[in-house]
Amino acid sequence: MDIEKQPHVDFFYLVHDSMTEGDIAMLELIATENPPFPLGLDDLLSRQWLTNAIHTCNLDTIAWVLSKGPDVNYQDGEGYIPLKSALEVETESLPLKVNKSDLTIAIIDLLLAAGARINQRMTLDETVLHAAVFRSSPKVIAHLLACGADPHAEDAEHISGKPIDLVRYARAPKEVEALLKEAMRRR
């Protein structure tokens, strides 16, 4: 069977491979020849290029994309913001030598340094701290709190809707509950 060549698919995988490998020289060449890359959406998955960079888990690539000035507070059609995408790093299949919590924290720090808002609201008024209760380690949650995540923020989905109220539903470790209670007392 003859498969028609799809240039947008080839372009996506060229970029993805370059991002994964951290080949900044190739990314610069691609950006020069294909503006507005790395700003905007890819043509294959219709995701922001910054989201694709975050999913490669390559800090050099993420820093390079951020150096091009993308909107670090965009919200995609699924309600994701870059900080929420960063939380997914802890669930990625990475080599055993990689500390996923430390990598997630490094990505969060890059995004915050580029202007991401720690308490930005997503779908149903959820914040990244709400999302972290369900998917992140206590180490990442402690870091979000240290960076100013509001433990009192209420979402629109639950009766109270504060991150502390989600601990039971998320079956989060007791350490997460203790971190949130302490942060609420201090704030």
N, C-alpha and C. Protein backbone atom coordinates (compact mmCIF):
# COMPACT_ATOMS: atom_id res chain seq x y z
N MET A 1 0.85 -1.17 0.00
CA MET A 1 0.00 0.00 0.00
C MET A 1 0.89 1.23 0.00
N ASP A 2 0.55 2.17 -0.83
CA ASP A 2 1.29 3.42 -0.94
C ASP A 2 0.77 4.41 0.09
N ILE A 3 1.65 4.88 0.93
CA ILE A 3 1.25 5.87 1.94
C ILE A 3 1.73 7.23 1.47
N GLU A 4 0.78 8.16 1.39
CA GLU A 4 1.11 9.52 0.96
C GLU A 4 1.99 10.19 2.02
N LYS A 5 3.04 10.83 1.57
CA LYS A 5 3.95 11.54 2.48
C LYS A 5 3.22 12.73 3.09
N GLN A 6 3.36 12.89 4.38
CA GLN A 6 2.70 13.98 5.10
C GLN A 6 3.77 14.88 5.70
N PRO A 7 4.05 16.03 5.05
CA PRO A 7 5.13 16.90 5.52
C PRO A 7 4.96 17.36 6.96
N HIS A 8 3.73 17.61 7.41
CA HIS A 8 3.55 18.09 8.79
C HIS A 8 3.93 17.01 9.80
N VAL A 9 3.73 15.73 9.44
CA VAL A 9 4.12 14.63 10.32
C VAL A 9 5.65 14.55 10.38
N ASP A 10 6.30 14.63 9.22
CA ASP A 10 7.76 14.60 9.18
C ASP A 10 8.35 15.77 9.97
N PHE A 11 7.77 16.96 9.82
CA PHE A 11 8.25 18.14 10.54
C PHE A 11 8.10 17.93 12.05
N PHE A 12 6.95 17.44 12.47
CA PHE A 12 6.72 17.22 13.90
C PHE A 12 7.79 16.29 14.47
N TYR A 13 8.05 15.17 13.79
CA TYR A 13 9.01 14.21 14.33
C TYR A 13 10.45 14.71 14.25
N LEU A 14 10.77 15.52 13.25
CA LEU A 14 12.08 16.16 13.21
C LEU A 14 12.26 17.06 14.43
N VAL A 15 11.25 17.87 14.70
CA VAL A 15 11.30 18.77 15.86
C VAL A 15 11.32 17.96 17.15
N HIS A 16 10.44 16.99 17.26
CA HIS A 16 10.35 16.19 18.49
C HIS A 16 11.68 15.50 18.79
N ASP A 17 12.28 14.89 17.77
CA ASP A 17 13.57 14.22 17.97
C ASP A 17 14.64 15.22 18.39
N SER A 18 14.66 16.39 17.76
CA SER A 18 15.64 17.42 18.12
C SER A 18 15.41 17.91 19.54
N MET A 19 14.14 18.06 19.93
CA MET A 19 13.83 18.47 21.31
C MET A 19 14.26 17.41 22.31
N THR A 20 13.95 16.17 22.02
CA THR A 20 14.28 15.08 22.93
C THR A 20 15.79 14.97 23.13
N GLU A 21 16.53 15.13 22.03
CA GLU A 21 17.99 15.04 22.09
C GLU A 21 18.64 16.31 22.63
N GLY A 22 17.88 17.39 22.74
CA GLY A 22 18.45 18.66 23.18
C GLY A 22 19.37 19.26 22.13
N ASP A 23 19.08 19.01 20.86
CA ASP A 23 19.90 19.51 19.75
C ASP A 23 19.50 20.96 19.45
N ILE A 24 20.06 21.88 20.23
CA ILE A 24 19.68 23.28 20.13
C ILE A 24 20.08 23.87 18.78
N ALA A 25 21.21 23.45 18.23
CA ALA A 25 21.63 23.96 16.92
C ALA A 25 20.58 23.61 15.86
N MET A 26 20.08 22.39 15.90
CA MET A 26 19.06 21.98 14.93
C MET A 26 17.76 22.74 15.19
N LEU A 27 17.40 22.93 16.45
CA LEU A 27 16.18 23.68 16.76
C LEU A 27 16.28 25.12 16.28
N GLU A 28 17.46 25.72 16.42
CA GLU A 28 17.67 27.08 15.91
C GLU A 28 17.51 27.13 14.39
N LEU A 29 18.07 26.14 13.71
CA LEU A 29 17.94 26.07 12.25
C LEU A 29 16.47 25.90 11.85
N ILE A 30 15.78 25.01 12.53
CA ILE A 30 14.35 24.80 12.25
C ILE A 30 13.58 26.09 12.48
N ALA A 31 13.88 26.79 13.57
CA ALA A 31 13.17 28.04 13.89
C ALA A 31 13.44 29.11 12.85
N THR A 32 14.67 29.19 12.36
CA THR A 32 15.02 30.17 11.34
C THR A 32 14.26 29.93 10.04
N GLU A 33 14.11 28.66 9.69
CA GLU A 33 13.48 28.31 8.42
C GLU A 33 11.96 28.13 8.52
N ASN A 34 11.42 28.10 9.74
CA ASN A 34 9.99 27.81 9.91
C ASN A 34 9.34 28.70 10.97
N PRO A 35 9.39 30.03 10.76
CA PRO A 35 8.71 30.87 11.74
C PRO A 35 7.21 30.57 11.71
N PRO A 36 6.49 30.64 12.77
CA PRO A 36 6.86 31.21 14.06
C PRO A 36 7.39 30.19 15.06
N PHE A 37 7.71 28.96 14.60
CA PHE A 37 8.27 27.96 15.51
C PHE A 37 9.39 28.58 16.33
N PRO A 38 9.43 28.33 17.64
CA PRO A 38 8.68 27.39 18.47
C PRO A 38 7.45 27.99 19.15
N LEU A 39 6.96 29.09 18.62
CA LEU A 39 5.74 29.68 19.17
C LEU A 39 4.53 29.06 18.49
N GLY A 40 3.42 29.01 19.17
CA GLY A 40 2.20 28.49 18.58
C GLY A 40 2.05 26.99 18.72
N LEU A 41 1.18 26.44 17.85
CA LEU A 41 0.80 25.03 17.92
C LEU A 41 1.52 24.20 16.88
N ASP A 42 1.76 22.93 17.22
CA ASP A 42 2.27 22.01 16.20
C ASP A 42 1.12 21.61 15.29
N ASP A 43 1.44 21.14 14.09
CA ASP A 43 0.40 20.79 13.11
C ASP A 43 -0.09 19.35 13.24
N LEU A 44 0.52 18.56 14.10
CA LEU A 44 0.12 17.17 14.22
C LEU A 44 -0.84 16.95 15.38
N LEU A 45 -0.46 17.39 16.57
CA LEU A 45 -1.27 17.18 17.77
C LEU A 45 -2.03 18.42 18.20
N SER A 46 -1.74 19.54 17.55
CA SER A 46 -2.34 20.84 17.90
C SER A 46 -2.07 21.21 19.35
N ARG A 47 -0.83 20.93 19.77
CA ARG A 47 -0.38 21.32 21.11
C ARG A 47 0.64 22.44 20.99
N GLN A 48 0.72 23.26 22.01
CA GLN A 48 1.76 24.29 22.04
C GLN A 48 3.13 23.61 22.00
N TRP A 49 4.06 24.23 21.30
CA TRP A 49 5.41 23.68 21.24
C TRP A 49 6.04 23.64 22.63
N LEU A 50 5.68 24.59 23.50
CA LEU A 50 6.20 24.56 24.87
C LEU A 50 5.74 23.28 25.58
N THR A 51 4.51 22.88 25.38
CA THR A 51 4.02 21.64 25.99
C THR A 51 4.81 20.45 25.47
N ASN A 52 5.06 20.43 24.16
CA ASN A 52 5.87 19.34 23.59
C ASN A 52 7.27 19.33 24.20
N ALA A 53 7.86 20.51 24.39
CA ALA A 53 9.18 20.59 25.00
C ALA A 53 9.16 20.05 26.42
N ILE A 54 8.15 20.42 27.19
CA ILE A 54 8.03 19.93 28.57
C ILE A 54 7.95 18.41 28.58
N HIS A 55 7.20 17.84 27.65
CA HIS A 55 7.02 16.39 27.62
C HIS A 55 8.28 15.65 27.19
N THR A 56 9.27 16.34 26.62
CA THR A 56 10.54 15.68 26.32
C THR A 56 11.39 15.52 27.57
N CYS A 57 11.08 16.28 28.61
CA CYS A 57 11.81 16.24 29.89
C CYS A 57 13.26 16.68 29.73
N ASN A 58 13.56 17.44 28.68
CA ASN A 58 14.92 17.92 28.43
C ASN A 58 15.00 19.39 28.85
N LEU A 59 15.74 19.65 29.93
CA LEU A 59 15.81 21.01 30.48
C LEU A 59 16.41 22.01 29.49
N ASP A 60 17.41 21.59 28.71
CA ASP A 60 18.01 22.50 27.73
C ASP A 60 16.98 22.90 26.67
N THR A 61 16.20 21.95 26.22
CA THR A 61 15.16 22.23 25.23
C THR A 61 14.10 23.16 25.80
N ILE A 62 13.66 22.88 27.01
CA ILE A 62 12.64 23.73 27.63
C ILE A 62 13.16 25.15 27.79
N ALA A 63 14.40 25.28 28.26
CA ALA A 63 15.00 26.62 28.42
C ALA A 63 15.11 27.32 27.07
N TRP A 64 15.44 26.58 26.01
CA TRP A 64 15.55 27.19 24.68
C TRP A 64 14.19 27.70 24.21
N VAL A 65 13.15 26.87 24.34
CA VAL A 65 11.81 27.31 23.93
C VAL A 65 11.40 28.53 24.75
N LEU A 66 11.65 28.51 26.04
CA LEU A 66 11.30 29.66 26.89
C LEU A 66 12.06 30.92 26.48
N SER A 67 13.28 30.75 25.99
CA SER A 67 14.07 31.92 25.56
C SER A 67 13.46 32.61 24.35
N LYS A 68 12.56 31.94 23.66
CA LYS A 68 11.91 32.51 22.48
C LYS A 68 10.64 33.29 22.83
N GLY A 69 10.28 33.31 24.12
CA GLY A 69 9.18 34.15 24.58
C GLY A 69 7.77 33.63 24.38
N PRO A 70 7.54 32.33 24.55
CA PRO A 70 6.16 31.84 24.41
C PRO A 70 5.29 32.31 25.57
N ASP A 71 3.99 32.22 25.40
CA ASP A 71 3.05 32.52 26.48
C ASP A 71 3.12 31.36 27.48
N VAL A 72 3.63 31.63 28.66
CA VAL A 72 3.79 30.57 29.67
C VAL A 72 2.54 30.39 30.52
N ASN A 73 1.51 31.16 30.21
CA ASN A 73 0.26 31.06 30.97
C ASN A 73 -0.93 30.66 30.09
N TYR A 74 -0.65 30.13 28.88
CA TYR A 74 -1.75 29.72 28.02
C TYR A 74 -2.48 28.54 28.65
N GLN A 75 -3.73 28.37 28.26
CA GLN A 75 -4.51 27.21 28.66
C GLN A 75 -5.01 26.55 27.39
N ASP A 76 -4.71 25.26 27.24
CA ASP A 76 -5.13 24.58 26.02
C ASP A 76 -6.58 24.12 26.12
N GLY A 77 -7.05 23.48 25.07
CA GLY A 77 -8.44 23.05 25.00
C GLY A 77 -8.83 22.00 26.04
N GLU A 78 -7.85 21.35 26.63
CA GLU A 78 -8.13 20.36 27.67
C GLU A 78 -7.98 20.95 29.07
N GLY A 79 -7.73 22.25 29.15
CA GLY A 79 -7.61 22.90 30.44
C GLY A 79 -6.21 22.88 31.03
N TYR A 80 -5.24 22.43 30.26
CA TYR A 80 -3.87 22.35 30.76
C TYR A 80 -3.15 23.68 30.59
N ILE A 81 -2.32 23.99 31.57
CA ILE A 81 -1.38 25.10 31.49
C ILE A 81 0.01 24.48 31.58
N PRO A 82 1.06 25.20 31.18
CA PRO A 82 2.40 24.60 31.23
C PRO A 82 2.79 24.04 32.60
N LEU A 83 2.42 24.71 33.69
CA LEU A 83 2.76 24.19 35.01
C LEU A 83 2.10 22.84 35.27
N LYS A 84 0.88 22.66 34.81
CA LYS A 84 0.20 21.36 34.98
C LYS A 84 0.88 20.30 34.12
N SER A 85 1.31 20.68 32.92
CA SER A 85 2.04 19.73 32.08
C SER A 85 3.34 19.30 32.76
N ALA A 86 3.98 20.23 33.47
CA ALA A 86 5.22 19.91 34.18
C ALA A 86 4.98 18.82 35.23
N LEU A 87 3.81 18.82 35.85
CA LEU A 87 3.52 17.80 36.87
C LEU A 87 3.53 16.40 36.29
N GLU A 88 3.25 16.27 34.99
CA GLU A 88 3.21 14.95 34.36
C GLU A 88 4.58 14.30 34.27
N VAL A 89 5.63 15.10 34.43
CA VAL A 89 6.99 14.55 34.34
C VAL A 89 7.19 13.44 35.37
N GLU A 90 6.59 13.58 36.54
CA GLU A 90 6.76 12.54 37.58
C GLU A 90 6.14 11.21 37.18
N THR A 91 5.24 11.22 36.20
CA THR A 91 4.62 9.97 35.77
C THR A 91 5.21 9.46 34.45
N GLU A 92 6.17 10.20 33.89
CA GLU A 92 6.80 9.78 32.63
C GLU A 92 7.67 8.55 32.86
N SER A 93 7.85 7.77 31.83
CA SER A 93 8.76 6.64 31.87
C SER A 93 10.15 7.16 31.53
N LEU A 94 10.96 7.35 32.55
CA LEU A 94 12.30 7.91 32.38
C LEU A 94 13.33 6.90 32.89
N PRO A 95 14.59 7.06 32.46
CA PRO A 95 15.64 6.17 32.99
C PRO A 95 15.67 6.20 34.52
N LEU A 96 16.01 5.08 35.12
CA LEU A 96 16.00 4.96 36.58
C LEU A 96 16.90 5.98 37.27
N LYS A 97 17.97 6.41 36.62
CA LYS A 97 18.90 7.34 37.26
C LYS A 97 18.33 8.76 37.37
N VAL A 98 17.23 9.02 36.68
CA VAL A 98 16.62 10.35 36.70
C VAL A 98 15.70 10.47 37.91
N ASN A 99 15.92 11.49 38.74
CA ASN A 99 15.03 11.76 39.86
C ASN A 99 13.88 12.61 39.32
N LYS A 100 12.72 11.99 39.17
CA LYS A 100 11.58 12.66 38.54
C LYS A 100 11.09 13.86 39.33
N SER A 101 11.14 13.79 40.65
CA SER A 101 10.72 14.93 41.47
C SER A 101 11.63 16.12 41.24
N ASP A 102 12.94 15.88 41.23
CA ASP A 102 13.89 16.97 41.01
C ASP A 102 13.74 17.56 39.61
N LEU A 103 13.52 16.71 38.62
CA LEU A 103 13.32 17.19 37.26
C LEU A 103 12.04 18.02 37.15
N THR A 104 10.98 17.56 37.78
CA THR A 104 9.72 18.32 37.79
C THR A 104 9.93 19.69 38.43
N ILE A 105 10.63 19.73 39.55
CA ILE A 105 10.91 20.99 40.24
C ILE A 105 11.74 21.92 39.36
N ALA A 106 12.72 21.37 38.66
CA ALA A 106 13.55 22.20 37.77
C ALA A 106 12.70 22.80 36.65
N ILE A 107 11.78 22.03 36.10
CA ILE A 107 10.90 22.54 35.04
C ILE A 107 9.97 23.61 35.61
N ILE A 108 9.41 23.36 36.77
CA ILE A 108 8.56 24.36 37.43
C ILE A 108 9.33 25.66 37.61
N ASP A 109 10.57 25.56 38.07
CA ASP A 109 11.39 26.76 38.29
C ASP A 109 11.66 27.51 36.99
N LEU A 110 11.91 26.79 35.90
CA LEU A 110 12.11 27.44 34.60
C LEU A 110 10.85 28.20 34.19
N LEU A 111 9.70 27.56 34.36
CA LEU A 111 8.43 28.20 33.98
C LEU A 111 8.14 29.43 34.84
N LEU A 112 8.37 29.31 36.14
CA LEU A 112 8.13 30.46 37.03
C LEU A 112 9.08 31.61 36.70
N ALA A 113 10.34 31.29 36.41
CA ALA A 113 11.31 32.33 36.04
C ALA A 113 10.90 33.04 34.75
N ALA A 114 10.18 32.32 33.89
CA ALA A 114 9.72 32.90 32.62
C ALA A 114 8.39 33.64 32.76
N GLY A 115 7.83 33.65 33.98
CA GLY A 115 6.61 34.42 34.20
C GLY A 115 5.34 33.62 34.43
N ALA A 116 5.44 32.30 34.53
CA ALA A 116 4.24 31.50 34.80
C ALA A 116 3.67 31.91 36.16
N ARG A 117 2.35 31.93 36.23
CA ARG A 117 1.66 32.31 37.48
C ARG A 117 1.32 31.06 38.28
N ILE A 118 1.88 30.97 39.48
CA ILE A 118 1.72 29.77 40.31
C ILE A 118 0.27 29.50 40.70
N ASN A 119 -0.54 30.53 40.79
CA ASN A 119 -1.94 30.36 41.19
C ASN A 119 -2.93 30.58 40.05
N GLN A 120 -2.45 30.43 38.81
CA GLN A 120 -3.33 30.59 37.66
C GLN A 120 -4.47 29.57 37.73
N ARG A 121 -5.66 30.02 37.39
CA ARG A 121 -6.83 29.14 37.42
C ARG A 121 -6.98 28.42 36.09
N MET A 122 -7.37 27.15 36.19
CA MET A 122 -7.63 26.33 35.02
C MET A 122 -9.12 26.01 35.00
N THR A 123 -9.48 24.96 34.28
CA THR A 123 -10.86 24.53 34.22
C THR A 123 -11.41 24.31 35.63
N LEU A 124 -12.63 24.73 35.87
CA LEU A 124 -13.30 24.60 37.16
C LEU A 124 -12.53 25.30 38.29
N ASP A 125 -11.79 26.33 37.95
CA ASP A 125 -11.03 27.13 38.91
C ASP A 125 -9.94 26.34 39.63
N GLU A 126 -9.55 25.22 39.09
CA GLU A 126 -8.48 24.42 39.67
C GLU A 126 -7.15 25.16 39.51
N THR A 127 -6.26 25.02 40.49
CA THR A 127 -4.90 25.55 40.39
C THR A 127 -3.94 24.37 40.22
N VAL A 128 -2.69 24.68 39.95
CA VAL A 128 -1.70 23.62 39.80
C VAL A 128 -1.55 22.86 41.13
N LEU A 129 -1.76 23.52 42.26
CA LEU A 129 -1.68 22.83 43.55
C LEU A 129 -2.81 21.79 43.68
N HIS A 130 -4.00 22.13 43.22
CA HIS A 130 -5.10 21.14 43.21
C HIS A 130 -4.67 19.91 42.40
N ALA A 131 -4.12 20.15 41.22
CA ALA A 131 -3.70 19.04 40.35
C ALA A 131 -2.58 18.24 41.00
N ALA A 132 -1.67 18.92 41.68
CA ALA A 132 -0.53 18.25 42.30
C ALA A 132 -0.96 17.28 43.40
N VAL A 133 -2.01 17.61 44.11
CA VAL A 133 -2.49 16.72 45.18
C VAL A 133 -2.80 15.33 44.60
N PHE A 134 -3.27 15.28 43.37
CA PHE A 134 -3.63 14.01 42.74
C PHE A 134 -2.44 13.29 42.11
N ARG A 135 -1.40 14.01 41.72
CA ARG A 135 -0.40 13.33 40.91
C ARG A 135 1.04 13.55 41.32
N SER A 136 1.31 14.39 42.30
CA SER A 136 2.69 14.74 42.58
C SER A 136 3.17 14.22 43.93
N SER A 137 4.49 14.12 44.02
CA SER A 137 5.12 13.69 45.26
C SER A 137 5.04 14.80 46.30
N PRO A 138 5.16 14.44 47.57
CA PRO A 138 5.21 15.47 48.61
C PRO A 138 6.32 16.49 48.36
N LYS A 139 7.43 16.06 47.78
CA LYS A 139 8.54 16.98 47.50
C LYS A 139 8.11 18.08 46.52
N VAL A 140 7.40 17.71 45.47
CA VAL A 140 6.93 18.70 44.48
C VAL A 140 5.87 19.60 45.10
N ILE A 141 4.97 19.02 45.88
CA ILE A 141 3.94 19.83 46.54
C ILE A 141 4.57 20.83 47.49
N ALA A 142 5.57 20.40 48.26
CA ALA A 142 6.28 21.32 49.17
C ALA A 142 6.92 22.45 48.37
N HIS A 143 7.46 22.13 47.20
CA HIS A 143 8.09 23.15 46.37
C HIS A 143 7.06 24.15 45.84
N LEU A 144 5.93 23.65 45.39
CA LEU A 144 4.87 24.55 44.92
C LEU A 144 4.44 25.50 46.03
N LEU A 145 4.29 24.97 47.23
CA LEU A 145 3.91 25.82 48.37
C LEU A 145 5.00 26.84 48.67
N ALA A 146 6.26 26.43 48.60
CA ALA A 146 7.38 27.36 48.84
C ALA A 146 7.43 28.46 47.78
N CYS A 147 6.93 28.15 46.59
CA CYS A 147 6.91 29.13 45.49
C CYS A 147 5.66 30.02 45.53
N GLY A 148 4.80 29.82 46.52
CA GLY A 148 3.65 30.70 46.68
C GLY A 148 2.31 30.12 46.28
N ALA A 149 2.24 28.82 46.00
CA ALA A 149 0.94 28.22 45.68
C ALA A 149 0.00 28.41 46.86
N ASP A 150 -1.21 28.83 46.58
CA ASP A 150 -2.17 29.17 47.62
C ASP A 150 -2.93 27.94 48.12
N PRO A 151 -2.67 27.50 49.36
CA PRO A 151 -3.37 26.32 49.87
C PRO A 151 -4.85 26.60 50.17
N HIS A 152 -5.24 27.86 50.17
CA HIS A 152 -6.64 28.23 50.43
C HIS A 152 -7.46 28.38 49.15
N ALA A 153 -6.84 28.26 47.99
CA ALA A 153 -7.55 28.44 46.72
C ALA A 153 -8.66 27.41 46.61
N GLU A 154 -9.83 27.86 46.22
CA GLU A 154 -10.98 26.96 46.07
C GLU A 154 -11.30 26.76 44.60
N ASP A 155 -11.58 25.50 44.25
CA ASP A 155 -12.01 25.24 42.88
C ASP A 155 -13.53 25.24 42.84
N ALA A 156 -14.10 25.06 41.68
CA ALA A 156 -15.55 25.13 41.51
C ALA A 156 -16.21 23.76 41.52
N GLU A 157 -15.41 22.71 41.67
CA GLU A 157 -15.96 21.36 41.53
C GLU A 157 -16.44 20.75 42.85
N HIS A 158 -15.82 21.11 43.94
CA HIS A 158 -16.13 20.47 45.22
C HIS A 158 -16.84 21.46 46.14
N ILE A 159 -17.44 20.94 47.19
CA ILE A 159 -18.15 21.80 48.14
C ILE A 159 -17.20 22.82 48.74
N SER A 160 -16.07 22.37 49.26
CA SER A 160 -15.08 23.32 49.77
C SER A 160 -14.09 23.64 48.67
N GLY A 161 -13.55 22.60 48.06
CA GLY A 161 -12.71 22.79 46.89
C GLY A 161 -11.29 23.23 47.13
N LYS A 162 -10.82 23.21 48.37
CA LYS A 162 -9.43 23.56 48.65
C LYS A 162 -8.56 22.33 48.42
N PRO A 163 -7.28 22.52 48.13
CA PRO A 163 -6.41 21.36 47.95
C PRO A 163 -6.46 20.36 49.11
N ILE A 164 -6.57 20.85 50.34
CA ILE A 164 -6.63 19.96 51.50
C ILE A 164 -7.84 19.03 51.42
N ASP A 165 -8.92 19.51 50.83
CA ASP A 165 -10.14 18.70 50.71
C ASP A 165 -9.99 17.58 49.69
N LEU A 166 -9.00 17.68 48.84
CA LEU A 166 -8.80 16.68 47.79
C LEU A 166 -7.92 15.52 48.24
N VAL A 167 -7.24 15.69 49.37
CA VAL A 167 -6.30 14.68 49.84
C VAL A 167 -6.97 13.32 49.97
N ARG A 168 -8.16 13.29 50.53
CA ARG A 168 -8.87 12.02 50.74
C ARG A 168 -9.23 11.38 49.40
N TYR A 169 -9.74 12.18 48.45
CA TYR A 169 -10.12 11.64 47.14
C TYR A 169 -8.91 11.16 46.35
N ALA A 170 -7.81 11.86 46.53
CA ALA A 170 -6.60 11.53 45.78
C ALA A 170 -5.83 10.38 46.42
N ARG A 171 -6.22 10.02 47.63
CA ARG A 171 -5.47 9.00 48.38
C ARG A 171 -4.00 9.41 48.48
N ALA A 172 -3.81 10.69 48.73
CA ALA A 172 -2.46 11.24 48.84
C ALA A 172 -1.83 10.79 50.17
N PRO A 173 -0.51 10.73 50.20
CA PRO A 173 0.17 10.36 51.44
C PRO A 173 -0.14 11.35 52.57
N LYS A 174 -0.07 10.87 53.80
CA LYS A 174 -0.32 11.72 54.97
C LYS A 174 0.61 12.94 54.98
N GLU A 175 1.80 12.77 54.43
CA GLU A 175 2.76 13.88 54.37
C GLU A 175 2.19 15.07 53.58
N VAL A 176 1.43 14.78 52.53
CA VAL A 176 0.81 15.84 51.72
C VAL A 176 -0.20 16.60 52.57
N GLU A 177 -1.01 15.88 53.32
CA GLU A 177 -1.99 16.53 54.19
C GLU A 177 -1.28 17.42 55.21
N ALA A 178 -0.20 16.92 55.80
CA ALA A 178 0.55 17.71 56.79
C ALA A 178 1.15 18.97 56.15
N LEU A 179 1.69 18.84 54.95
CA LEU A 179 2.26 20.00 54.25
C LEU A 179 1.19 21.07 54.01
N LEU A 180 0.03 20.64 53.54
CA LEU A 180 -1.05 21.58 53.25
C LEU A 180 -1.58 22.25 54.51
N LYS A 181 -1.76 21.46 55.58
CA LYS A 181 -2.24 22.04 56.84
C LYS A 181 -1.26 23.08 57.36
N GLU A 182 0.02 22.77 57.31
CA GLU A 182 1.03 23.72 57.78
C GLU A 182 1.03 24.98 56.93
N ALA A 183 0.93 24.83 55.63
CA ALA A 183 0.90 26.00 54.73
C ALA A 183 -0.34 26.85 55.00
N MET A 184 -1.45 26.21 55.28
CA MET A 184 -2.68 26.96 55.55
C MET A 184 -2.57 27.74 56.87
N ARG A 185 -1.90 27.15 57.85
CA ARG A 185 -1.72 27.85 59.13
C ARG A 185 -0.83 29.08 58.97
N ARG A 186 0.19 28.96 58.13
CA ARG A 186 1.14 30.06 57.94
C ARG A 186 0.58 31.17 57.08
N ARG A 187 -0.36 30.87 56.24
CA ARG A 187 -0.83 31.87 55.26
C ARG A 187 -2.09 32.56 55.70
